[in-house]
Protein backbone atom coordinates (compact mmCIF):
# COMPACT_ATOMS: atom_id res chain seq x y z
CA UNK A 1 137.00 86.04 118.45
CA UNK A 2 134.53 88.61 117.31
CA UNK A 3 132.10 88.02 114.55
CA UNK A 4 132.69 89.38 111.05
CA UNK A 5 130.81 92.70 110.57
CA UNK A 6 128.96 94.05 107.48
CA UNK A 7 127.74 97.56 107.51
CA UNK A 8 125.25 98.89 104.98
CA UNK A 9 124.82 102.57 104.27
CA UNK A 10 121.27 103.23 102.87
CA UNK A 11 117.81 102.13 103.68
CA UNK A 12 116.32 101.28 100.24
CA UNK A 13 115.70 98.21 98.15
CA UNK A 14 119.34 97.33 97.55
CA UNK A 15 120.21 97.67 101.22
CA UNK A 16 117.31 95.45 102.36
CA UNK A 17 118.01 92.91 99.65
CA UNK A 18 121.69 92.69 100.57
CA UNK A 19 120.95 92.08 104.26
CA UNK A 20 118.21 89.64 103.48
CA UNK A 21 120.28 87.68 101.01
CA UNK A 22 123.26 87.52 103.39
CA UNK A 23 121.05 85.79 106.02
CA UNK A 24 119.37 83.50 103.47
CA UNK A 25 122.85 82.40 102.29
CA UNK A 26 123.86 81.51 105.86
CA UNK A 27 125.92 84.54 106.73
CA UNK A 28 126.34 84.57 110.54
CA UNK A 29 128.20 87.80 110.94
CA UNK A 30 126.91 91.07 112.34
CA UNK A 31 124.73 93.16 109.96
CA UNK A 32 123.86 96.80 110.48
CA UNK A 33 121.83 99.04 108.20
CA UNK A 34 122.12 102.81 108.51
CA UNK A 35 118.97 104.63 107.24
CA UNK A 36 118.95 108.40 107.01
CA UNK A 37 115.08 108.42 107.15
CA UNK A 38 112.91 107.52 110.08
CA UNK A 39 111.28 104.57 108.31
CA UNK A 40 112.18 100.91 107.85
CA UNK A 41 113.42 100.19 104.37
CA UNK A 42 110.51 100.76 101.90
CA UNK A 43 109.58 100.59 98.26
CA UNK A 44 109.60 103.84 96.31
CA UNK A 45 107.77 103.16 93.00
CA UNK A 46 104.30 103.24 94.72
CA UNK A 47 105.09 106.70 96.10
CA UNK A 48 104.15 108.34 92.78
CA UNK A 49 101.26 105.96 92.20
CA UNK A 50 99.01 104.23 94.77
CA UNK A 51 100.52 105.90 97.85
CA UNK A 52 99.99 109.38 96.40
CA UNK A 53 96.48 108.33 95.31
CA UNK A 54 95.71 107.29 98.88
CA UNK A 55 95.06 103.64 97.92
CA UNK A 56 98.01 102.24 99.86
CA UNK A 57 98.73 102.57 103.62
CA UNK A 58 102.26 103.68 104.64
CA UNK A 59 102.92 100.42 106.51
CA UNK A 60 102.36 98.41 103.30
CA UNK A 61 105.30 100.22 101.69
CA UNK A 62 107.79 98.48 104.05
CA UNK A 63 109.68 95.57 102.51
CA UNK A 64 109.73 93.74 105.89
CA UNK A 65 108.13 94.40 109.24
CA UNK A 66 110.29 95.29 112.22
CA UNK A 67 109.83 91.78 113.59
CA UNK A 68 111.71 90.35 110.60
CA UNK A 69 114.82 92.37 111.25
CA UNK A 70 114.78 91.45 115.01
CA UNK A 71 114.41 87.75 114.24
CA UNK A 72 117.01 87.84 111.55
CA UNK A 73 119.46 89.74 113.84
CA UNK A 74 119.71 92.61 111.36
CA UNK A 75 120.19 95.89 113.24
CA UNK A 76 118.41 98.92 111.71
CA UNK A 77 119.67 102.35 112.67
CA UNK A 78 117.01 104.84 111.71
CA UNK A 79 117.58 108.66 111.42
CA UNK A 80 121.33 107.76 111.18
CA UNK A 81 123.44 109.70 108.74
CA UNK A 82 126.87 108.36 107.89
CA UNK A 83 129.25 111.28 107.52
CA UNK A 84 132.24 109.62 106.06
CA UNK A 85 134.37 106.53 105.40
CA UNK A 86 137.89 105.75 106.43
CA UNK A 87 138.62 103.01 103.94
CA UNK A 88 142.14 102.47 105.08
CA UNK A 89 141.12 101.78 108.69
CA UNK A 90 137.82 100.20 107.82
CA UNK A 91 135.52 102.41 109.73
CA UNK A 92 132.66 104.84 109.19
CA UNK A 93 131.93 108.17 110.94
CA UNK A 94 128.39 108.78 112.22
CA UNK A 95 126.59 112.08 112.72
CA UNK A 96 127.05 111.86 116.52
CA UNK A 97 130.86 111.78 116.30
CA UNK A 98 130.88 108.04 116.88
CA UNK A 99 132.77 105.54 114.70
CA UNK A 100 131.98 101.98 113.67
CA UNK A 101 134.46 99.47 112.34
CA UNK A 102 133.60 97.03 109.57
CA UNK A 103 134.95 94.00 107.69
CA UNK A 104 132.60 94.58 104.72
CA UNK A 105 131.03 97.80 103.77
CA UNK A 106 128.08 98.19 101.37
CA UNK A 107 127.18 101.61 99.96
CA UNK A 108 123.53 101.59 98.85
CA UNK A 109 122.77 105.31 99.05
CA UNK A 110 120.66 105.53 95.90
CA UNK A 111 119.95 108.86 94.31
CA UNK A 112 118.74 112.39 95.17
CA UNK A 113 116.52 114.71 93.11
CA UNK A 114 117.97 117.37 90.98
CA UNK A 115 116.87 120.70 92.49
CA UNK A 116 116.12 124.22 91.37
CA UNK A 117 116.75 127.40 93.19
CA UNK A 118 113.73 129.07 94.74
CA UNK A 119 113.27 131.83 97.28
CA UNK A 120 112.91 130.62 100.83
CA UNK A 121 109.54 132.24 101.25
CA UNK A 122 107.97 129.98 98.68
CA UNK A 123 110.05 126.82 99.36
CA UNK A 124 107.01 125.31 101.18
CA UNK A 125 105.12 125.35 97.92
CA UNK A 126 107.77 123.67 95.81
CA UNK A 127 108.01 119.93 96.17
CA UNK A 128 110.03 116.94 95.14
CA UNK A 129 108.81 113.40 95.19
CA UNK A 130 111.43 111.05 96.66
CA UNK A 131 110.28 109.94 100.11
CA UNK A 132 107.24 109.07 102.21
CA UNK A 133 107.48 112.49 103.87
CA UNK A 134 107.47 114.18 100.49
CA UNK A 135 104.23 112.49 99.51
CA UNK A 136 102.65 113.25 102.84
CA UNK A 137 103.41 116.97 102.35
CA UNK A 138 102.14 116.91 98.75
CA UNK A 139 98.95 115.09 99.83
CA UNK A 140 98.24 117.72 102.47
CA UNK A 141 98.74 120.50 99.85
CA UNK A 142 96.48 118.83 97.32
CA UNK A 143 93.56 119.00 99.73
CA UNK A 144 93.31 122.83 99.50
CA UNK A 145 94.48 123.33 95.88
CA UNK A 146 93.02 123.49 92.45
CA UNK A 147 96.00 123.81 90.12
CA UNK A 148 99.46 122.35 90.09
CA UNK A 149 102.48 122.85 87.78
CA UNK A 150 104.78 119.94 87.24
CA UNK A 151 108.29 120.72 85.93
CA UNK A 152 109.64 117.77 83.94
CA UNK A 153 107.95 115.41 81.55
CA UNK A 154 109.77 112.23 82.46
CA UNK A 155 108.24 109.11 84.00
CA UNK A 156 107.93 110.57 87.52
CA UNK A 157 106.34 113.75 86.30
CA UNK A 158 103.85 111.90 84.14
CA UNK A 159 102.90 109.39 86.84
CA UNK A 160 102.39 112.27 89.36
CA UNK A 161 100.34 114.19 86.80
CA UNK A 162 98.08 111.18 86.16
CA UNK A 163 97.36 110.76 89.89
CA UNK A 164 96.80 114.39 90.66
CA UNK A 165 94.58 114.76 87.62
CA UNK A 166 92.52 111.82 88.88
CA UNK A 167 92.18 113.67 92.21
CA UNK A 168 90.48 116.51 90.39
CA UNK A 169 93.21 119.16 90.10
CA UNK A 170 94.23 120.95 86.90
CA UNK A 171 97.72 119.90 85.95
CA UNK A 172 100.20 121.65 83.67
CA UNK A 173 103.39 119.85 82.72
CA UNK A 174 106.40 121.97 81.61
CA UNK A 175 109.04 120.20 79.62
CA UNK A 176 112.05 121.89 78.02
CA UNK A 177 112.52 119.09 75.42
CA UNK A 178 110.57 118.94 72.18
CA UNK A 179 108.48 116.04 73.49
CA UNK A 180 107.76 114.28 76.81
CA UNK A 181 109.97 111.32 77.54
CA UNK A 182 112.38 112.46 74.85
CA UNK A 183 115.47 111.24 76.60
CA UNK A 184 114.22 107.80 77.28
CA UNK A 185 111.97 106.58 74.51
CA UNK A 186 110.77 106.99 70.87
CA UNK A 187 108.38 109.36 69.30
CA UNK A 188 105.79 106.48 69.19
CA UNK A 189 105.57 106.26 72.98
CA UNK A 190 105.87 110.01 73.55
CA UNK A 191 103.00 110.70 71.14
CA UNK A 192 100.90 108.05 72.75
CA UNK A 193 101.32 109.41 76.29
CA UNK A 194 100.92 112.99 75.10
CA UNK A 195 97.55 112.01 73.72
CA UNK A 196 96.25 110.11 76.75
CA UNK A 197 97.29 112.94 79.12
CA UNK A 198 95.74 115.58 76.88
CA UNK A 199 92.55 113.51 76.70
CA UNK A 200 92.47 113.40 80.52
CA UNK A 201 92.71 117.20 80.71
CA UNK A 202 96.39 117.60 81.46
CA UNK A 203 98.06 120.62 79.74
CA UNK A 204 101.37 119.84 78.14
CA UNK A 205 103.86 122.59 77.32
CA UNK A 206 106.93 121.22 75.51
CA UNK A 207 109.88 123.22 74.15
CA UNK A 208 109.32 125.27 77.26
CA UNK A 209 112.05 126.21 79.74
CA UNK A 210 111.49 127.46 83.34
CA UNK A 211 113.14 130.84 83.87
CA UNK A 212 112.00 131.46 87.41
CA UNK A 213 109.50 130.69 90.13
CA UNK A 214 107.94 133.45 92.19
CA UNK A 215 105.27 133.84 94.81
CA UNK A 216 102.30 136.18 94.32
CA UNK A 217 98.86 136.84 95.83
CA UNK A 218 97.38 134.13 93.61
CA UNK A 219 99.92 131.37 94.59
CA UNK A 220 102.96 130.44 92.64
CA UNK A 221 103.97 131.92 89.37
CA UNK A 222 106.16 129.75 87.13
CA UNK A 223 107.85 132.02 84.62
CA UNK A 224 108.62 130.18 81.41
CA UNK A 225 110.00 130.90 77.96
CA UNK A 226 106.39 130.96 76.76
CA UNK A 227 104.76 133.05 79.49
CA UNK A 228 103.69 132.49 83.04
CA UNK A 229 101.71 129.72 84.76
CA UNK A 230 99.84 130.41 87.95
CA UNK A 231 99.41 127.43 90.23
CA UNK A 232 98.77 126.64 93.87
CA UNK A 233 102.00 124.61 94.19
CA UNK A 234 104.82 123.14 92.04
CA UNK A 235 106.27 119.66 91.83
CA UNK A 236 109.73 119.29 90.34
CA UNK A 237 110.70 116.11 88.58
CA UNK A 238 113.78 116.86 86.44
CA UNK A 239 115.79 113.71 87.21
CA UNK A 240 118.09 112.50 89.90
CA UNK A 241 121.78 112.40 90.77
CA UNK A 242 123.63 109.42 92.29
CA UNK A 243 124.56 109.74 95.99
CA UNK A 244 128.22 109.05 95.43
CA UNK A 245 129.94 111.85 97.32
CA UNK A 246 130.57 109.72 100.43
CA UNK A 247 132.37 107.23 98.18
CA UNK A 248 134.47 109.76 96.24
CA UNK A 249 135.46 111.51 99.42
CA UNK A 250 136.92 108.24 100.75
CA UNK A 251 139.00 107.63 97.64
CA UNK A 252 136.61 105.21 95.88
CA UNK A 253 136.40 105.59 92.16
CA UNK A 254 133.20 107.30 90.88
CA UNK A 255 131.96 108.56 87.53
CA UNK A 256 128.27 109.45 87.50
CA UNK A 257 127.86 106.81 90.20
CA UNK A 258 130.06 104.49 92.25
CA UNK A 259 131.99 102.34 89.79
CA UNK A 260 131.76 98.61 90.44
CA UNK A 261 132.78 95.43 88.70
CA UNK A 262 130.56 92.51 87.69
CA UNK A 263 130.62 91.32 91.35
CA UNK A 264 129.56 94.72 92.64
CA UNK A 265 132.94 95.35 94.19
CA UNK A 266 134.17 98.96 94.19
CA UNK A 267 137.93 100.02 93.71
CA UNK A 268 138.34 99.01 97.37
CA UNK A 269 138.24 95.29 97.95
CA UNK A 270 136.33 95.60 101.28
CA UNK A 271 133.70 97.98 99.93
CA UNK A 272 130.74 97.02 97.75
CA UNK A 273 127.89 99.01 96.12
CA UNK A 274 124.42 98.21 94.89
CA UNK A 275 121.40 99.95 93.44
CA UNK A 276 120.71 103.23 91.74
CA UNK A 277 124.05 104.75 92.82
CA UNK A 278 126.20 102.27 90.93
CA UNK A 279 127.90 102.55 87.56
CA UNK A 280 128.26 98.96 86.50
CA UNK A 281 129.18 96.85 83.47
CA UNK A 282 126.40 95.47 81.30
CA UNK A 283 127.31 92.57 78.97
CA UNK A 284 124.32 93.02 76.76
CA UNK A 285 125.16 96.59 75.76
CA UNK A 286 128.87 96.29 76.21
CA UNK A 287 129.26 99.39 78.36
CA UNK A 288 129.04 100.71 81.88
CA UNK A 289 125.50 101.99 82.76
CA UNK A 290 123.66 103.40 85.82
CA UNK A 291 120.12 102.22 86.30
CA UNK A 292 117.31 103.55 88.48
CA UNK A 293 115.15 100.43 88.79
CA UNK A 294 113.83 98.02 91.30
CA UNK A 295 115.07 95.00 89.40
CA UNK A 296 118.64 96.40 89.34
CA UNK A 297 118.61 97.11 93.06
CA UNK A 298 117.32 93.61 93.88
CA UNK A 299 119.76 91.72 91.68
CA UNK A 300 122.78 93.80 92.71
CA UNK A 301 121.85 93.27 96.34
CA UNK A 302 121.86 89.51 95.74
CA UNK A 303 125.26 89.81 93.91
CA UNK A 304 126.82 91.83 96.83
CA UNK A 305 125.67 89.20 99.37
CA UNK A 306 127.19 86.43 97.20
CA UNK A 307 130.44 88.32 96.92
CA UNK A 308 130.71 88.91 100.63
CA UNK A 309 130.32 85.17 101.37
CA UNK A 310 132.84 84.20 98.71
CA UNK A 311 130.61 83.10 95.92
CA UNK A 312 131.43 84.24 92.37
CA UNK A 313 127.97 85.32 91.09
CA UNK A 314 128.26 87.67 88.14
CA UNK A 315 125.68 90.46 87.80
CA UNK A 316 124.46 90.15 84.18
CA UNK A 317 120.91 91.31 83.91
CA UNK A 318 118.87 92.75 81.04
CA UNK A 319 117.50 96.06 82.35
CA UNK A 320 113.74 96.42 82.86
CA UNK A 321 111.37 99.03 84.30
CA UNK A 322 107.71 99.94 84.42
CA UNK A 323 105.44 102.95 84.67
CA UNK A 324 101.73 103.17 85.67
CA UNK A 325 99.71 105.97 84.17
CA UNK A 326 95.89 106.00 84.12
CA UNK A 327 94.73 102.55 82.95
CA UNK A 328 98.05 101.74 81.20
CA UNK A 329 101.02 99.76 82.42
CA UNK A 330 104.14 100.53 80.35
CA UNK A 331 106.83 97.79 80.77
CA UNK A 332 110.23 98.63 79.39
CA UNK A 333 113.04 96.29 78.53
CA UNK A 334 116.54 97.30 77.49
CA UNK A 335 118.32 100.56 76.64
CA UNK A 336 117.19 102.71 73.72
CA UNK A 337 120.46 104.03 72.35
CA UNK A 338 121.30 102.01 69.27
CA UNK A 339 118.65 100.73 66.93
CA UNK A 340 117.95 100.85 63.15
CA UNK A 341 114.27 99.98 62.92
CA UNK A 342 110.97 100.09 64.90
CA UNK A 343 108.33 97.38 64.74
CA UNK A 344 104.88 98.09 66.28
CA UNK A 345 102.65 95.14 67.27
CA UNK A 346 99.07 95.80 68.37
CA UNK A 347 96.75 98.78 68.38
CA UNK A 348 97.77 102.14 69.89
CA UNK A 349 94.11 103.30 69.86
CA UNK A 350 93.07 100.32 72.03
CA UNK A 351 95.94 101.08 74.37
CA UNK A 352 97.39 97.58 73.92
CA UNK A 353 100.52 97.38 71.86
CA UNK A 354 104.25 96.74 71.88
CA UNK A 355 107.09 98.67 70.26
CA UNK A 356 110.16 96.70 69.39
CA UNK A 357 113.53 98.42 68.73
CA UNK A 358 115.66 96.44 66.30
CA UNK A 359 119.29 96.18 65.42
CA UNK A 360 120.44 93.66 62.75
CA UNK A 361 117.22 91.75 63.08
CA UNK A 362 117.60 91.38 66.92
CA UNK A 363 115.44 93.19 69.53
CA UNK A 364 117.62 95.55 71.60
CA UNK A 365 114.83 97.11 73.56
CA UNK A 366 110.99 97.23 73.84
CA UNK A 367 108.13 99.35 75.25
CA UNK A 368 104.99 97.28 75.92
CA UNK A 369 101.75 98.96 76.93
CA UNK A 370 99.24 96.55 78.57
CA UNK A 371 101.12 93.64 76.90
CA UNK A 372 102.75 91.43 79.62
CA UNK A 373 103.36 88.52 77.20
CA UNK A 374 105.32 90.66 74.81
CA UNK A 375 107.27 92.15 77.66
CA UNK A 376 108.34 88.74 79.02
CA UNK A 377 109.20 87.47 75.58
CA UNK A 378 111.34 90.64 74.92
CA UNK A 379 113.44 89.85 77.92
CA UNK A 380 114.12 86.37 76.55
CA UNK A 381 114.77 87.55 72.99
CA UNK A 382 117.25 90.20 74.20
CA UNK A 383 119.03 88.04 76.79
CA UNK A 384 119.46 85.16 74.30
CA UNK A 385 120.21 87.53 71.32
CA UNK A 386 117.62 85.78 69.15
CA UNK A 387 117.19 86.73 65.48
CA UNK A 388 113.60 87.66 64.87
CA UNK A 389 111.72 87.97 61.54
CA UNK A 390 110.13 91.42 61.56
CA UNK A 391 107.06 90.44 59.56
CA UNK A 392 106.22 87.69 62.01
CA UNK A 393 106.84 90.02 64.96
CA UNK A 394 104.32 92.58 63.68
CA UNK A 395 101.78 89.93 62.80
CA UNK A 396 99.26 89.69 65.61
CA UNK A 397 97.78 86.43 64.21
CA UNK A 398 100.98 84.75 65.35
CA UNK A 399 101.23 84.34 69.08
CA UNK A 400 104.30 86.16 70.45
CA UNK A 401 105.69 82.88 71.78
CA UNK A 402 105.68 81.46 68.22
CA UNK A 403 107.25 84.40 66.49
CA UNK A 404 110.59 82.60 66.41
CA UNK A 405 110.43 79.23 64.60
């Protein structure tokens, strides 16, 4: 009798975690991971931080060395693009016209960058930052450049701006919204990061839309609603889209991501999904959400593994994220879509503070800058739905652990 077989499409955090958790839970079936890139599964957050800065070697990005996969009998197929899924017959189609059958299928395809249209002759000067190869190309370009334009004032754009500014280039950020980070945080955090970027010499242009990108004798011309910006190259960071086409084409239900239940099972009982590509239920916010975060990918990978071996392990996590810019670490907990008050604890000028977003005297989300203790307590307060006295929360003389009686 042949062994049970689990196939995993995708080579990121969720894929690696699913395979690793399956083995750690005693799963003795066959496991194969299909990676579209030519690298072992690797972590992406450092791409826009230490790896771009040149402080981290490529090999240190890998979650596990090749030896681990060999010893764990996890087969890694690099440069392997899965073309489609036949859910009825439980098989996948590969790019070499081969097929592979499965008992369990995991879709962990992540996201892809939103792109903008540019002429082919300048496409080698317009970059996205999503992979190791993207960073290698950007790093090569930085060596012979003085100015860069970054389109998008979200976390990726700001992290890249901080690194490239530290490398000595002049950076201009173009953001169409009225403030940076407008879609993800409050005016307090937006103003704080606008200030530290401006102090570092980064030029911020908000309320500015990009109307075209052209090549000229001076480099790249970014035509905006407020005039033109001349730069040596452009980096685009205007968000991402879930890689859910392979799921929808096979009849699996999708809606801004692959829809899964609390056990990470899709609309097909033999197909699971984990990571940035999933639209999943969140009990703390009572709605389906899609998250682009390491924590989400790890925990959903664990949940998928548990579901495959027959355990009932519900995915019920409070979302959290982080962003490194200059000397600040911003740690974010929760979703910022329903609050009625803001409490600030600490000193913005000293770059050490926490912003708590309140609803009915409970914390629903927080942004903590260089405040790890407040970050950890936020996660506890939100997950346990603890009522907090606002006066005590803002009072720095009271340790954060003693805010609640």
